[in-house]
Amino acid sequence: MPPLEAIELDAFRHWHERDTFWCALLLGGCGGQLATELCTDRFCSLSSSAC
């Protein structure tokens, strides 16, 4: 689960720098690789450009 606060995103990225995350096909996703997205006006998220 990605961090909910923007201030925690750098630590999350550092902790998972060698990990990859993928959009779940079995849950109706696109199967694309996910990237972290920094948002200051809402929760941070994992997103895919393919979805």
C-alpha atoms as a PDB file:
ATOM      1  CA  MET A   1       0.000   0.000   0.000  1.00  0.00           C
ATOM      2  CA  PRO A   2       1.479   3.370  -0.934  1.00  0.00           C
ATOM      3  CA  PRO A   3       1.745   6.087   1.714  1.00  0.00           C
ATOM      4  CA  LEU A   4      -1.258   8.332   2.140  1.00  0.00           C
ATOM      5  CA  GLU A   5       0.734  11.456   2.986  1.00  0.00           C
ATOM      6  CA  ALA A   6       3.030  13.229   0.507  1.00  0.00           C
ATOM      7  CA  ILE A   7       5.737  13.607   3.160  1.00  0.00           C
ATOM      8  CA  GLU A   8       6.033   9.786   3.416  1.00  0.00           C
ATOM      9  CA  LEU A   9       6.478   9.196  -0.340  1.00  0.00           C
ATOM     10  CA  ASP A  10      10.270   9.683  -0.436  1.00  0.00           C
ATOM     11  CA  ALA A  11      10.734   7.060   2.281  1.00  0.00           C
ATOM     12  CA  PHE A  12       8.388   4.671   0.426  1.00  0.00           C
ATOM     13  CA  ARG A  13      10.328   5.167  -2.820  1.00  0.00           C
ATOM     14  CA  HIS A  14      13.648   4.584  -1.028  1.00  0.00           C
ATOM     15  CA  TRP A  15      12.361   1.488   0.785  1.00  0.00           C
ATOM     16  CA  HIS A  16      11.015  -0.033  -2.473  1.00  0.00           C
ATOM     17  CA  GLU A  17      13.656   1.235  -4.934  1.00  0.00           C
ATOM     18  CA  ARG A  18      14.318  -2.287  -6.258  1.00  0.00           C
ATOM     19  CA  ASP A  19      10.654  -3.371  -6.284  1.00  0.00           C
ATOM     20  CA  THR A  20       8.206  -3.128  -9.153  1.00  0.00           C
ATOM     21  CA  PHE A  21       4.443  -2.893  -8.858  1.00  0.00           C
ATOM     22  CA  TRP A  22       1.950  -4.002 -11.503  1.00  0.00           C
ATOM     23  CA  CYS A  23      -1.736  -3.311 -12.149  1.00  0.00           C
ATOM     24  CA  ALA A  24      -3.633  -6.524 -11.289  1.00  0.00           C
ATOM     25  CA  LEU A  25      -5.225  -8.234 -14.295  1.00  0.00           C
ATOM     26  CA  LEU A  26      -7.289 -10.495 -12.046  1.00  0.00           C
ATOM     27  CA  LEU A  27      -8.881  -7.404 -10.485  1.00  0.00           C
ATOM     28  CA  GLY A  28      -9.783  -5.875 -13.850  1.00  0.00           C
ATOM     29  CA  GLY A  29      -6.618  -3.781 -14.266  1.00  0.00           C
ATOM     30  CA  CYS A  30      -4.523  -3.236 -17.380  1.00  0.00           C
ATOM     31  CA  GLY A  31      -1.439  -5.265 -16.382  1.00  0.00           C
ATOM     32  CA  GLY A  32       0.846  -2.241 -16.794  1.00  0.00           C
ATOM     33  CA  GLN A  33       3.708  -1.293 -14.502  1.00  0.00           C
ATOM     34  CA  LEU A  34       2.727   1.162 -11.788  1.00  0.00           C
ATOM     35  CA  ALA A  35       4.633   4.271 -10.730  1.00  0.00           C
ATOM     36  CA  THR A  36       4.276   6.427  -7.635  1.00  0.00           C
ATOM     37  CA  GLU A  37       2.539   9.758  -8.019  1.00  0.00           C
ATOM     38  CA  LEU A  38       3.170  12.670  -5.667  1.00  0.00           C
ATOM     39  CA  CYS A  39       0.035  14.677  -4.937  1.00  0.00           C
ATOM     40  CA  THR A  40      -0.192  17.525  -2.474  1.00  0.00           C
ATOM     41  CA  ASP A  41      -3.948  18.102  -2.777  1.00  0.00           C
ATOM     42  CA  ARG A  42      -5.045  14.448  -2.362  1.00  0.00           C
ATOM     43  CA  PHE A  43      -3.660  11.046  -1.386  1.00  0.00           C
ATOM     44  CA  CYS A  44      -0.505   9.770  -3.082  1.00  0.00           C
ATOM     45  CA  SER A  45      -1.123   6.830  -5.376  1.00  0.00           C
ATOM     46  CA  LEU A  46       0.289   4.209  -7.672  1.00  0.00           C
ATOM     47  CA  SER A  47      -0.723   4.796 -11.275  1.00  0.00           C
ATOM     48  CA  SER A  48      -0.163   3.308 -14.717  1.00  0.00           C
ATOM     49  CA  SER A  49       0.008   5.237 -17.954  1.00  0.00           C
ATOM     50  CA  ALA A  50      -1.606   2.233 -19.691  1.00  0.00           C
ATOM     51  CA  CYS A  51      -4.817   2.272 -17.611  1.00  0.00           C
END
